[in-house]
PDB file of N, CA and C in Angstrom:
ATOM      1  N   MET A   1     170.647-108.189 110.709  1.00  0.00           N
ATOM      2  CA  MET A   1     170.135-106.969 110.449  1.00  0.00           C
ATOM      3  C   MET A   1     170.168-106.001 111.296  1.00  0.00           C
ATOM      4  N   SER A   2     170.494-104.792 111.304  1.00  0.00           N
ATOM      5  CA  SER A   2     170.479-103.641 112.263  1.00  0.00           C
ATOM      6  C   SER A   2     169.147-102.852 112.258  1.00  0.00           C
ATOM      7  N   THR A   3     168.747-102.684 113.439  1.00  0.00           N
ATOM      8  CA  THR A   3     167.712-101.728 113.614  1.00  0.00           C
ATOM      9  C   THR A   3     167.813-100.453 113.618  1.00  0.00           C
ATOM     10  N   ASP A   4     167.852 -99.705 112.583  1.00  0.00           N
ATOM     11  CA  ASP A   4     168.404 -98.323 112.509  1.00  0.00           C
ATOM     12  C   ASP A   4     167.317 -97.117 112.481  1.00  0.00           C
ATOM     13  N   HIS A   5     166.080 -97.455 112.462  1.00  0.00           N
ATOM     14  CA  HIS A   5     165.045 -96.583 112.461  1.00  0.00           C
ATOM     15  C   HIS A   5     163.985 -96.944 113.705  1.00  0.00           C
ATOM     16  N   ALA A   6     163.401 -95.960 114.188  1.00  0.00           N
ATOM     17  CA  ALA A   6     162.536 -96.060 115.382  1.00  0.00           C
ATOM     18  C   ALA A   6     161.357 -95.160 115.274  1.00  0.00           C
ATOM     19  N   VAL A   7     160.325 -95.722 115.675  1.00  0.00           N
ATOM     20  CA  VAL A   7     158.990 -94.896 115.736  1.00  0.00           C
ATOM     21  C   VAL A   7     158.719 -94.799 117.072  1.00  0.00           C
ATOM     22  N   VAL A   8     158.494 -93.666 117.633  1.00  0.00           N
ATOM     23  CA  VAL A   8     158.119 -93.232 118.874  1.00  0.00           C
ATOM     24  C   VAL A   8     156.687 -92.683 118.933  1.00  0.00           C
ATOM     25  N   TRP A   9     155.978 -93.622 119.770  1.00  0.00           N
ATOM     26  CA  TRP A   9     154.499 -93.446 120.084  1.00  0.00           C
ATOM     27  C   TRP A   9     154.454 -92.740 121.549  1.00  0.00           C
ATOM     28  N   LEU A  10     154.127 -91.335 121.656  1.00  0.00           N
ATOM     29  CA  LEU A  10     153.916 -90.473 122.825  1.00  0.00           C
ATOM     30  C   LEU A  10     152.764 -90.745 123.221  1.00  0.00           C
ATOM     31  N   GLU A  11     152.402 -91.035 124.452  1.00  0.00           N
ATOM     32  CA  GLU A  11     151.078 -90.798 125.166  1.00  0.00           C
ATOM     33  C   GLU A  11     151.549 -89.990 126.392  1.00  0.00           C
ATOM     34  N   PHE A  12     150.589 -89.779 127.171  1.00  0.00           N
ATOM     35  CA  PHE A  12     150.861 -89.040 128.452  1.00  0.00           C
ATOM     36  C   PHE A  12     151.744 -89.839 129.340  1.00  0.00           C
ATOM     37  N   ARG A  13     152.926 -89.384 129.426  1.00  0.00           N
ATOM     38  CA  ARG A  13     153.937 -89.775 130.354  1.00  0.00           C
ATOM     39  C   ARG A  13     154.434 -91.272 130.041  1.00  0.00           C
ATOM     40  N   THR A  14     154.033 -91.619 128.790  1.00  0.00           N
ATOM     41  CA  THR A  14     154.588 -92.927 128.401  1.00  0.00           C
ATOM     42  C   THR A  14     155.055 -92.850 126.921  1.00  0.00           C
ATOM     43  N   ALA A  15     155.926 -93.816 126.692  1.00  0.00           N
ATOM     44  CA  ALA A  15     156.426 -93.744 125.109  1.00  0.00           C
ATOM     45  C   ALA A  15     156.619 -95.177 124.814  1.00  0.00           C
ATOM     46  N   LYS A  16     156.177 -95.560 123.654  1.00  0.00           N
ATOM     47  CA  LYS A  16     156.264 -96.864 123.015  1.00  0.00           C
ATOM     48  C   LYS A  16     157.219 -96.730 121.966  1.00  0.00           C
ATOM     49  N   VAL A  17     158.221 -97.676 121.850  1.00  0.00           N
ATOM     50  CA  VAL A  17     159.325 -97.438 120.620  1.00  0.00           C
ATOM     51  C   VAL A  17     159.233 -98.697 119.973  1.00  0.00           C
ATOM     52  N   PHE A  18     158.790 -98.621 118.661  1.00  0.00           N
ATOM     53  CA  PHE A  18     158.870 -99.638 117.821  1.00  0.00           C
ATOM     54  C   PHE A  18     160.174 -99.618 116.827  1.00  0.00           C
ATOM     55  N   LEU A  19     161.047-100.585 116.847  1.00  0.00           N
ATOM     56  CA  LEU A  19     162.265-100.622 115.945  1.00  0.00           C
ATOM     57  C   LEU A  19     162.041-101.427 114.602  1.00  0.00           C
ATOM     58  N   PHE A  20     162.638-100.828 113.650  1.00  0.00           N
ATOM     59  CA  PHE A  20     162.519-101.425 112.172  1.00  0.00           C
ATOM     60  C   PHE A  20     163.757-101.924 111.598  1.00  0.00           C
ATOM     61  N   GLU A  21     163.753-103.153 111.315  1.00  0.00           N
ATOM     62  CA  GLU A  21     164.946-103.756 110.786  1.00  0.00           C
ATOM     63  C   GLU A  21     165.425-103.360 109.548  1.00  0.00           C
ATOM     64  N   ASP A  22     164.272-102.994 108.908  1.00  0.00           N
ATOM     65  CA  ASP A  22     164.478-102.672 107.112  1.00  0.00           C
ATOM     66  C   ASP A  22     163.342-101.899 106.854  1.00  0.00           C
ATOM     67  N   THR A  23     163.785-100.352 106.371  1.00  0.00           N
ATOM     68  CA  THR A  23     162.567 -99.570 106.014  1.00  0.00           C
ATOM     69  C   THR A  23     162.129 -99.818 104.748  1.00  0.00           C
ATOM     70  N   ALA A  24     162.781-100.598 103.789  1.00  0.00           N
ATOM     71  CA  ALA A  24     162.274-101.062 102.650  1.00  0.00           C
ATOM     72  C   ALA A  24     161.031-102.052 102.813  1.00  0.00           C
ATOM     73  N   MET A  25     161.293-103.185 103.716  1.00  0.00           N
ATOM     74  CA  MET A  25     160.194-104.180 103.879  1.00  0.00           C
ATOM     75  C   MET A  25     159.346-103.792 105.235  1.00  0.00           C
ATOM     76  N   LEU A  26     159.864-102.633 105.998  1.00  0.00           N
ATOM     77  CA  LEU A  26     159.034-102.174 107.281  1.00  0.00           C
ATOM     78  C   LEU A  26     158.643-103.405 108.335  1.00  0.00           C
ATOM     79  N   SER A  27     159.540-104.136 108.293  1.00  0.00           N
ATOM     80  CA  SER A  27     159.303-105.192 109.432  1.00  0.00           C
ATOM     81  C   SER A  27     159.722-104.660 110.643  1.00  0.00           C
ATOM     82  N   VAL A  28     158.952-104.982 111.720  1.00  0.00           N
ATOM     83  CA  VAL A  28     158.928-104.421 113.080  1.00  0.00           C
ATOM     84  C   VAL A  28     159.683-105.798 113.853  1.00  0.00           C
ATOM     85  N   THR A  29     160.585-105.319 114.644  1.00  0.00           N
ATOM     86  CA  THR A  29     161.230-106.440 115.274  1.00  0.00           C
ATOM     87  C   THR A  29     160.741-106.434 116.855  1.00  0.00           C
ATOM     88  N   GLY A  30     160.067-107.512 116.929  1.00  0.00           N
ATOM     89  CA  GLY A  30     159.534-107.748 118.310  1.00  0.00           C
ATOM     90  C   GLY A  30     158.286-106.756 118.845  1.00  0.00           C
ATOM     91  N   GLU A  31     158.179-106.722 120.234  1.00  0.00           N
ATOM     92  CA  GLU A  31     157.201-106.012 120.909  1.00  0.00           C
ATOM     93  C   GLU A  31     157.843-104.743 120.947  1.00  0.00           C
ATOM     94  N   PRO A  32     156.956-103.691 121.162  1.00  0.00           N
ATOM     95  CA  PRO A  32     157.518-102.160 121.335  1.00  0.00           C
ATOM     96  C   PRO A  32     158.230-102.054 122.720  1.00  0.00           C
ATOM     97  N   GLU A  33     159.264-101.342 122.780  1.00  0.00           N
ATOM     98  CA  GLU A  33     159.880-101.061 124.018  1.00  0.00           C
ATOM     99  C   GLU A  33     158.904 -99.845 124.710  1.00  0.00           C
ATOM    100  N   LEU A  34     158.699 -99.990 126.096  1.00  0.00           N
ATOM    101  CA  LEU A  34     157.804 -99.188 126.756  1.00  0.00           C
ATOM    102  C   LEU A  34     158.673 -98.580 127.853  1.00  0.00           C
ATOM    103  N   ILE A  35     158.407 -97.251 127.644  1.00  0.00           N
ATOM    104  CA  ILE A  35     159.384 -96.290 128.405  1.00  0.00           C
ATOM    105  C   ILE A  35     158.158 -95.484 129.197  1.00  0.00           C
ATOM    106  N   ARG A  36     158.263 -95.381 130.577  1.00  0.00           N
ATOM    107  CA  ARG A  36     157.332 -94.845 131.507  1.00  0.00           C
ATOM    108  C   ARG A  36     158.072 -93.664 132.127  1.00  0.00           C
ATOM    109  N   ASP A  37     157.480 -92.737 132.577  1.00  0.00           N
ATOM    110  CA  ASP A  37     158.054 -91.600 133.439  1.00  0.00           C
ATOM    111  C   ASP A  37     158.047 -92.128 134.737  1.00  0.00           C
ATOM    112  N   LYS A  38     159.293 -92.382 135.280  1.00  0.00           N
ATOM    113  CA  LYS A  38     159.539 -93.150 136.625  1.00  0.00           C
ATOM    114  C   LYS A  38     159.676 -92.066 137.679  1.00  0.00           C
ATOM    115  N   ARG A  39     159.927 -90.713 137.292  1.00  0.00           N
ATOM    116  CA  ARG A  39     159.990 -89.777 138.164  1.00  0.00           C
ATOM    117  C   ARG A  39     158.873 -88.554 138.009  1.00  0.00           C
ATOM    118  N   LEU A  40     157.820 -88.907 138.097  1.00  0.00           N
ATOM    119  CA  LEU A  40     156.878 -87.688 138.242  1.00  0.00           C
ATOM    120  C   LEU A  40     157.063 -87.019 139.624  1.00  0.00           C
ATOM    121  N   THR A  41     157.953 -86.051 139.510  1.00  0.00           N
ATOM    122  CA  THR A  41     158.209 -85.260 140.458  1.00  0.00           C
ATOM    123  C   THR A  41     157.762 -83.774 140.116  1.00  0.00           C
ATOM    124  N   HIS A  42     157.889 -82.879 141.346  1.00  0.00           N
ATOM    125  CA  HIS A  42     157.569 -81.547 141.076  1.00  0.00           C
ATOM    126  C   HIS A  42     158.756 -80.930 141.880  1.00  0.00           C
ATOM    127  N   ASP A  43     159.225 -79.591 141.175  1.00  0.00           N
ATOM    128  CA  ASP A  43     160.201 -79.037 141.769  1.00  0.00           C
ATOM    129  C   ASP A  43     159.767 -78.131 143.058  1.00  0.00           C
ATOM    130  N   GLY A  44     160.153 -78.273 143.972  1.00  0.00           N
ATOM    131  CA  GLY A  44     159.548 -77.723 145.326  1.00  0.00           C
ATOM    132  C   GLY A  44     159.676 -76.269 145.285  1.00  0.00           C
ATOM    133  N   GLN A  45     160.328 -75.686 144.532  1.00  0.00           N
ATOM    134  CA  GLN A  45     160.363 -74.142 144.355  1.00  0.00           C
ATOM    135  C   GLN A  45     159.182 -73.366 143.809  1.00  0.00           C
ATOM    136  N   ASN A  46     158.970 -73.996 142.437  1.00  0.00           N
ATOM    137  CA  ASN A  46     157.762 -73.397 141.787  1.00  0.00           C
ATOM    138  C   ASN A  46     156.784 -74.405 141.348  1.00  0.00           C
ATOM    139  N   GLY A  47     156.665 -75.489 141.863  1.00  0.00           N
ATOM    140  CA  GLY A  47     155.720 -76.444 141.445  1.00  0.00           C
ATOM    141  C   GLY A  47     155.501 -77.105 140.071  1.00  0.00           C
ATOM    142  N   GLN A  48     156.506 -76.810 139.291  1.00  0.00           N
ATOM    143  CA  GLN A  48     156.475 -77.240 137.836  1.00  0.00           C
ATOM    144  C   GLN A  48     157.096 -78.882 137.714  1.00  0.00           C
ATOM    145  N   ARG A  49     156.488 -79.652 137.075  1.00  0.00           N
ATOM    146  CA  ARG A  49     156.724 -80.912 136.896  1.00  0.00           C
ATOM    147  C   ARG A  49     157.959 -80.884 135.873  1.00  0.00           C
ATOM    148  N   ARG A  50     158.795 -81.815 136.178  1.00  0.00           N
ATOM    149  CA  ARG A  50     160.227 -81.914 135.193  1.00  0.00           C
ATOM    150  C   ARG A  50     159.934 -83.030 134.372  1.00  0.00           C
ATOM    151  N   ASP A  51     160.011 -82.486 133.269  1.00  0.00           N
ATOM    152  CA  ASP A  51     160.026 -83.556 132.082  1.00  0.00           C
ATOM    153  C   ASP A  51     161.363 -83.963 131.687  1.00  0.00           C
ATOM    154  N   ASP A  52     162.320 -83.283 131.904  1.00  0.00           N
ATOM    155  CA  ASP A  52     163.718 -83.837 131.586  1.00  0.00           C
ATOM    156  C   ASP A  52     164.119 -85.209 131.436  1.00  0.00           C
ATOM    157  N   ASP A  53     163.781 -85.710 132.575  1.00  0.00           N
ATOM    158  CA  ASP A  53     164.206 -87.124 132.903  1.00  0.00           C
ATOM    159  C   ASP A  53     163.441 -87.961 132.048  1.00  0.00           C
ATOM    160  N   PHE A  54     162.205 -87.775 131.936  1.00  0.00           N
ATOM    161  CA  PHE A  54     161.504 -88.831 130.949  1.00  0.00           C
ATOM    162  C   PHE A  54     161.869 -88.653 129.586  1.00  0.00           C
ATOM    163  N   PHE A  55     161.988 -87.507 128.990  1.00  0.00           N
ATOM    164  CA  PHE A  55     162.456 -87.254 127.668  1.00  0.00           C
ATOM    165  C   PHE A  55     163.922 -87.692 127.538  1.00  0.00           C
ATOM    166  N   GLY A  56     164.799 -87.584 128.468  1.00  0.00           N
ATOM    167  CA  GLY A  56     165.898 -87.957 128.504  1.00  0.00           C
ATOM    168  C   GLY A  56     165.934 -89.440 128.480  1.00  0.00           C
ATOM    169  N   ASP A  57     165.116 -90.069 129.100  1.00  0.00           N
ATOM    170  CA  ASP A  57     165.299 -91.818 128.863  1.00  0.00           C
ATOM    171  C   ASP A  57     164.691 -92.157 127.515  1.00  0.00           C
ATOM    172  N   VAL A  58     163.753 -91.226 127.001  1.00  0.00           N
ATOM    173  CA  VAL A  58     163.365 -91.837 125.487  1.00  0.00           C
ATOM    174  C   VAL A  58     164.707 -91.680 124.726  1.00  0.00           C
ATOM    175  N   LEU A  59     165.213 -90.218 124.779  1.00  0.00           N
ATOM    176  CA  LEU A  59     166.054 -90.148 123.899  1.00  0.00           C
ATOM    177  C   LEU A  59     167.582 -91.038 124.171  1.00  0.00           C
ATOM    178  N   GLY A  60     167.586 -91.455 125.469  1.00  0.00           N
ATOM    179  CA  GLY A  60     168.733 -92.540 125.667  1.00  0.00           C
ATOM    180  C   GLY A  60     168.627 -93.782 125.003  1.00  0.00           C
ATOM    181  N   PHE A  61     167.217 -94.282 124.734  1.00  0.00           N
ATOM    182  CA  PHE A  61     166.924 -95.332 124.148  1.00  0.00           C
ATOM    183  C   PHE A  61     167.045 -95.280 122.522  1.00  0.00           C
ATOM    184  N   LEU A  62     166.711 -94.067 121.957  1.00  0.00           N
ATOM    185  CA  LEU A  62     166.859 -93.875 120.552  1.00  0.00           C
ATOM    186  C   LEU A  62     168.168 -93.355 120.239  1.00  0.00           C
ATOM    187  N   GLU A  63     169.076 -93.051 121.002  1.00  0.00           N
ATOM    188  CA  GLU A  63     170.418 -92.978 120.891  1.00  0.00           C
ATOM    189  C   GLU A  63     171.142 -93.487 119.562  1.00  0.00           C
ATOM    190  N   ALA A  64     171.061 -94.839 119.615  1.00  0.00           N
ATOM    191  CA  ALA A  64     171.696 -95.558 118.674  1.00  0.00           C
ATOM    192  C   ALA A  64     170.895 -95.854 117.291  1.00  0.00           C
ATOM    193  N   LYS A  65     169.771 -95.109 117.099  1.00  0.00           N
ATOM    194  CA  LYS A  65     169.053 -95.175 115.941  1.00  0.00           C
ATOM    195  C   LYS A  65     169.402 -94.040 115.116  1.00  0.00           C
ATOM    196  N   LYS A  66     169.421 -94.469 113.650  1.00  0.00           N
ATOM    197  CA  LYS A  66     169.662 -93.306 112.719  1.00  0.00           C
ATOM    198  C   LYS A  66     168.665 -92.054 112.674  1.00  0.00           C
ATOM    199  N   LYS A  67     167.535 -92.822 112.311  1.00  0.00           N
ATOM    200  CA  LYS A  67     166.146 -91.838 112.111  1.00  0.00           C
ATOM    201  C   LYS A  67     165.011 -92.193 112.999  1.00  0.00           C
ATOM    202  N   TRP A  68     164.239 -91.076 113.422  1.00  0.00           N
ATOM    203  CA  TRP A  68     163.254 -91.321 114.344  1.00  0.00           C
ATOM    204  C   TRP A  68     161.956 -90.766 113.558  1.00  0.00           C
ATOM    205  N   ILE A  69     160.778 -91.524 113.886  1.00  0.00           N
ATOM    206  CA  ILE A  69     159.510 -90.992 113.474  1.00  0.00           C
ATOM    207  C   ILE A  69     158.807 -90.796 114.797  1.00  0.00           C
ATOM    208  N   ILE A  70     158.308 -89.627 115.065  1.00  0.00           N
ATOM    209  CA  ILE A  70     157.507 -89.328 116.236  1.00  0.00           C
ATOM    210  C   ILE A  70     156.307 -89.013 116.046  1.00  0.00           C
ATOM    211  N   ILE A  71     155.198 -89.663 116.829  1.00  0.00           N
ATOM    212  CA  ILE A  71     153.736 -89.779 116.712  1.00  0.00           C
ATOM    213  C   ILE A  71     153.488 -89.397 117.980  1.00  0.00           C
ATOM    214  N   GLY A  72     152.396 -88.613 118.156  1.00  0.00           N
ATOM    215  CA  GLY A  72     151.827 -88.570 119.713  1.00  0.00           C
ATOM    216  C   GLY A  72     151.035 -87.419 119.705  1.00  0.00           C
ATOM    217  N   ASN A  73     150.581 -86.998 121.041  1.00  0.00           N
ATOM    218  CA  ASN A  73     149.897 -85.837 121.384  1.00  0.00           C
ATOM    219  C   ASN A  73     150.661 -84.531 121.310  1.00  0.00           C
ATOM    220  N   ARG A  74     150.286 -83.476 121.053  1.00  0.00           N
ATOM    221  CA  ARG A  74     150.944 -82.302 120.752  1.00  0.00           C
ATOM    222  C   ARG A  74     151.941 -81.957 121.694  1.00  0.00           C
ATOM    223  N   SER A  75     151.484 -81.924 123.015  1.00  0.00           N
ATOM    224  CA  SER A  75     152.360 -81.388 124.315  1.00  0.00           C
ATOM    225  C   SER A  75     153.573 -82.435 124.495  1.00  0.00           C
ATOM    226  N   SER A  76     153.317 -83.712 124.163  1.00  0.00           N
ATOM    227  CA  SER A  76     154.234 -84.577 124.563  1.00  0.00           C
ATOM    228  C   SER A  76     155.346 -84.546 123.353  1.00  0.00           C
ATOM    229  N   CYS A  77     154.908 -84.425 122.079  1.00  0.00           N
ATOM    230  CA  CYS A  77     156.062 -84.394 120.887  1.00  0.00           C
ATOM    231  C   CYS A  77     156.794 -83.089 120.945  1.00  0.00           C
ATOM    232  N   VAL A  78     155.994 -81.816 121.246  1.00  0.00           N
ATOM    233  CA  VAL A  78     156.709 -80.547 121.477  1.00  0.00           C
ATOM    234  C   VAL A  78     157.728 -80.759 122.732  1.00  0.00           C
ATOM    235  N   GLY A  79     157.459 -81.420 123.697  1.00  0.00           N
ATOM    236  CA  GLY A  79     158.405 -81.695 124.835  1.00  0.00           C
ATOM    237  C   GLY A  79     159.652 -82.481 124.483  1.00  0.00           C
ATOM    238  N   LEU A  80     159.427 -83.506 123.689  1.00  0.00           N
ATOM    239  CA  LEU A  80     160.408 -84.120 123.217  1.00  0.00           C
ATOM    240  C   LEU A  80     161.313 -83.516 122.190  1.00  0.00           C
ATOM    241  N   LEU A  81     160.578 -82.755 121.241  1.00  0.00           N
ATOM    242  CA  LEU A  81     161.268 -81.864 120.294  1.00  0.00           C
ATOM    243  C   LEU A  81     161.986 -80.777 120.851  1.00  0.00           C
ATOM    244  N   GLU A  82     161.625 -80.177 121.963  1.00  0.00           N
ATOM    245  CA  GLU A  82     162.482 -79.236 122.524  1.00  0.00           C
ATOM    246  C   GLU A  82     163.850 -79.811 123.091  1.00  0.00           C
ATOM    247  N   ARG A  83     163.784 -81.136 123.623  1.00  0.00           N
ATOM    248  CA  ARG A  83     164.911 -81.780 124.263  1.00  0.00           C
ATOM    249  C   ARG A  83     165.890 -82.240 123.014  1.00  0.00           C
ATOM    250  N   ILE A  84     165.236 -82.551 122.034  1.00  0.00           N
ATOM    251  CA  ILE A  84     166.145 -82.944 120.878  1.00  0.00           C
ATOM    252  C   ILE A  84     166.855 -81.666 120.204  1.00  0.00           C
ATOM    253  N   CYS A  85     166.149 -80.819 120.161  1.00  0.00           N
ATOM    254  CA  CYS A  85     166.788 -79.357 119.773  1.00  0.00           C
ATOM    255  C   CYS A  85     167.870 -79.090 120.525  1.00  0.00           C
ATOM    256  N   HIS A  86     167.574 -79.001 121.858  1.00  0.00           N
ATOM    257  CA  HIS A  86     168.511 -78.586 122.995  1.00  0.00           C
ATOM    258  C   HIS A  86     169.976 -79.541 122.824  1.00  0.00           C
ATOM    259  N   GLN A  87     169.778 -80.894 122.490  1.00  0.00           N
ATOM    260  CA  GLN A  87     170.769 -81.792 122.254  1.00  0.00           C
ATOM    261  C   GLN A  87     171.301 -81.700 120.849  1.00  0.00           C
ATOM    262  N   LYS A  88     170.706 -80.910 119.886  1.00  0.00           N
ATOM    263  CA  LYS A  88     171.208 -80.564 118.590  1.00  0.00           C
ATOM    264  C   LYS A  88     171.344 -81.934 117.678  1.00  0.00           C
ATOM    265  N   THR A  89     170.149 -82.723 118.139  1.00  0.00           N
ATOM    266  CA  THR A  89     169.947 -83.743 117.178  1.00  0.00           C
ATOM    267  C   THR A  89     168.782 -83.812 116.253  1.00  0.00           C
ATOM    268  N   GLU A  90     168.149 -82.758 115.822  1.00  0.00           N
ATOM    269  CA  GLU A  90     167.121 -82.515 115.059  1.00  0.00           C
ATOM    270  C   GLU A  90     167.295 -83.200 113.767  1.00  0.00           C
ATOM    271  N   GLY A  91     168.524 -83.102 113.145  1.00  0.00           N
ATOM    272  CA  GLY A  91     168.610 -84.101 112.108  1.00  0.00           C
ATOM    273  C   GLY A  91     168.189 -85.280 111.920  1.00  0.00           C
ATOM    274  N   ARG A  92     168.122 -86.143 112.967  1.00  0.00           N
ATOM    275  CA  ARG A  92     167.672 -87.467 113.105  1.00  0.00           C
ATOM    276  C   ARG A  92     166.061 -87.589 113.022  1.00  0.00           C
ATOM    277  N   VAL A  93     165.360 -86.580 113.249  1.00  0.00           N
ATOM    278  CA  VAL A  93     164.009 -86.643 113.204  1.00  0.00           C
ATOM    279  C   VAL A  93     163.523 -86.779 111.553  1.00  0.00           C
ATOM    280  N   ALA A  94     162.859 -87.833 111.277  1.00  0.00           N
ATOM    281  CA  ALA A  94     162.383 -88.036 109.906  1.00  0.00           C
ATOM    282  C   ALA A  94     161.197 -87.480 109.757  1.00  0.00           C
ATOM    283  N   CYS A  95     160.266 -87.496 110.834  1.00  0.00           N
ATOM    284  CA  CYS A  95     158.725 -86.977 110.689  1.00  0.00           C
ATOM    285  C   CYS A  95     158.225 -86.674 111.982  1.00  0.00           C
ATOM    286  N   VAL A  96     157.250 -85.719 112.117  1.00  0.00           N
ATOM    287  CA  VAL A  96     156.548 -85.753 113.390  1.00  0.00           C
ATOM    288  C   VAL A  96     155.229 -85.702 113.088  1.00  0.00           C
ATOM    289  N   GLU A  97     154.323 -86.461 113.696  1.00  0.00           N
ATOM    290  CA  GLU A  97     152.785 -86.201 113.548  1.00  0.00           C
ATOM    291  C   GLU A  97     152.015 -86.133 114.748  1.00  0.00           C
ATOM    292  N   PHE A  98     151.294 -85.012 114.949  1.00  0.00           N
ATOM    293  CA  PHE A  98     150.426 -85.042 116.086  1.00  0.00           C
ATOM    294  C   PHE A  98     149.086 -85.588 115.956  1.00  0.00           C
ATOM    295  N   VAL A  99     148.663 -86.475 116.859  1.00  0.00           N
ATOM    296  CA  VAL A  99     147.547 -87.186 117.117  1.00  0.00           C
ATOM    297  C   VAL A  99     147.275 -87.468 118.257  1.00  0.00           C
ATOM    298  N   ASP A 100     145.750 -87.421 118.633  1.00  0.00           N
ATOM    299  CA  ASP A 100     145.554 -87.423 120.031  1.00  0.00           C
ATOM    300  C   ASP A 100     145.347 -88.993 120.542  1.00  0.00           C
ATOM    301  N   ALA A 101     144.785 -89.625 119.647  1.00  0.00           N
ATOM    302  CA  ALA A 101     144.378 -91.165 120.129  1.00  0.00           C
ATOM    303  C   ALA A 101     144.703 -92.195 118.937  1.00  0.00           C
ATOM    304  N   VAL A 102     145.363 -93.097 119.096  1.00  0.00           N
ATOM    305  CA  VAL A 102     145.710 -93.939 117.958  1.00  0.00           C
ATOM    306  C   VAL A 102     145.981 -95.290 118.639  1.00  0.00           C
ATOM    307  N   THR A 103     145.720 -96.381 117.818  1.00  0.00           N
ATOM    308  CA  THR A 103     146.160 -97.593 118.331  1.00  0.00           C
ATOM    309  C   THR A 103     147.434 -97.928 117.830  1.00  0.00           C
ATOM    310  N   ALA A 104     148.080 -99.002 118.219  1.00  0.00           N
ATOM    311  CA  ALA A 104     149.450 -99.616 117.965  1.00  0.00           C
ATOM    312  C   ALA A 104     149.474 -99.862 116.335  1.00  0.00           C
ATOM    313  N   GLU A 105     148.387-100.453 115.889  1.00  0.00           N
ATOM    314  CA  GLU A 105     148.190-100.698 114.489  1.00  0.00           C
ATOM    315  C   GLU A 105     148.217 -99.461 113.591  1.00  0.00           C
ATOM    316  N   GLU A 106     147.524 -98.387 114.141  1.00  0.00           N
ATOM    317  CA  GLU A 106     147.632 -97.157 113.352  1.00  0.00           C
ATOM    318  C   GLU A 106     148.856 -96.325 113.353  1.00  0.00           C
ATOM    319  N   VAL A 107     149.502 -96.435 114.447  1.00  0.00           N
ATOM    320  CA  VAL A 107     150.961 -95.881 114.523  1.00  0.00           C
ATOM    321  C   VAL A 107     151.910 -96.582 113.549  1.00  0.00           C
ATOM    322  N   LEU A 108     151.843 -97.859 113.375  1.00  0.00           N
ATOM    323  CA  LEU A 108     152.670 -98.525 112.539  1.00  0.00           C
ATOM    324  C   LEU A 108     152.072 -98.286 111.103  1.00  0.00           C
ATOM    325  N   LEU A 109     150.873 -98.092 110.841  1.00  0.00           N
ATOM    326  CA  LEU A 109     150.237 -97.709 109.583  1.00  0.00           C
ATOM    327  C   LEU A 109     150.778 -96.509 108.984  1.00  0.00           C
ATOM    328  N   ARG A 110     150.815 -95.414 110.004  1.00  0.00           N
ATOM    329  CA  ARG A 110     151.297 -94.210 109.530  1.00  0.00           C
ATOM    330  C   ARG A 110     152.923 -94.126 109.273  1.00  0.00           C
ATOM    331  N   ALA A 111     153.518 -94.970 110.138  1.00  0.00           N
ATOM    332  CA  ALA A 111     155.203 -95.002 109.786  1.00  0.00           C
ATOM    333  C   ALA A 111     155.486 -95.640 108.475  1.00  0.00           C
ATOM    334  N   ARG A 112     154.647 -96.760 108.174  1.00  0.00           N
ATOM    335  CA  ARG A 112     154.629 -97.281 106.897  1.00  0.00           C
ATOM    336  C   ARG A 112     154.366 -96.411 105.697  1.00  0.00           C
ATOM    337  N   ARG A 113     153.302 -95.891 105.978  1.00  0.00           N
ATOM    338  CA  ARG A 113     152.852 -94.820 104.954  1.00  0.00           C
ATOM    339  C   ARG A 113     153.883 -93.650 104.767  1.00  0.00           C
ATOM    340  N   TYR A 114     154.589 -93.134 105.757  1.00  0.00           N
ATOM    341  CA  TYR A 114     155.672 -92.368 105.656  1.00  0.00           C
ATOM    342  C   TYR A 114     156.867 -92.681 104.933  1.00  0.00           C
ATOM    343  N   CYS A 115     157.316 -93.983 105.323  1.00  0.00           N
ATOM    344  CA  CYS A 115     158.400 -94.701 104.367  1.00  0.00           C
ATOM    345  C   CYS A 115     158.132 -95.035 103.262  1.00  0.00           C
ATOM    346  N   ARG A 116     156.871 -95.351 102.713  1.00  0.00           N
ATOM    347  CA  ARG A 116     156.413 -95.730 101.345  1.00  0.00           C
ATOM    348  C   ARG A 116     156.600 -94.321 100.430  1.00  0.00           C
ATOM    349  N   ASP A 117     156.040 -93.403 101.067  1.00  0.00           N
ATOM    350  CA  ASP A 117     155.949 -92.073 100.513  1.00  0.00           C
ATOM    351  C   ASP A 117     157.622 -91.522 100.320  1.00  0.00           C
ATOM    352  N   ARG A 118     158.412 -91.805 101.037  1.00  0.00           N
ATOM    353  CA  ARG A 118     159.672 -91.311 101.081  1.00  0.00           C
ATOM    354  C   ARG A 118     160.534 -92.116 100.013  1.00  0.00           C
ATOM    355  N   ARG A 119     160.109 -93.535  99.618  1.00  0.00           N
ATOM    356  CA  ARG A 119     160.703 -94.199  98.456  1.00  0.00           C
ATOM    357  C   ARG A 119     160.269 -93.997  97.243  1.00  0.00           C
ATOM    358  N   SER A 120     159.073 -93.368  97.290  1.00  0.00           N
ATOM    359  CA  SER A 120     158.377 -93.097  95.838  1.00  0.00           C
ATOM    360  C   SER A 120     159.061 -91.703  95.165  1.00  0.00           C
TER     361      SER A 120
END
């Protein structure tokens, strides 16, 4: 069975990606993939932190998935969404939910609720 849906849980400079085999059953395949920002660098000219590489890593992992549910803090979600729009892949975003602090169980509960609501 293919994993064609992903839930991205964004925290500060990390992303956990859960893959779903079947949105009807909402069964998660294995442990979430953890993506960390390996390149916390500053641009020497203006002192700005560069998010491009981190969000590029997240999108590189999501590339093969059809639909994405994005959950996380507002600044991380907006940063990822800007990159998604820049790459013109916003049609693959199924849902975005801004939350500050949740557990893995709450993330999966939110994803299951979203999928269940879509089937109704």
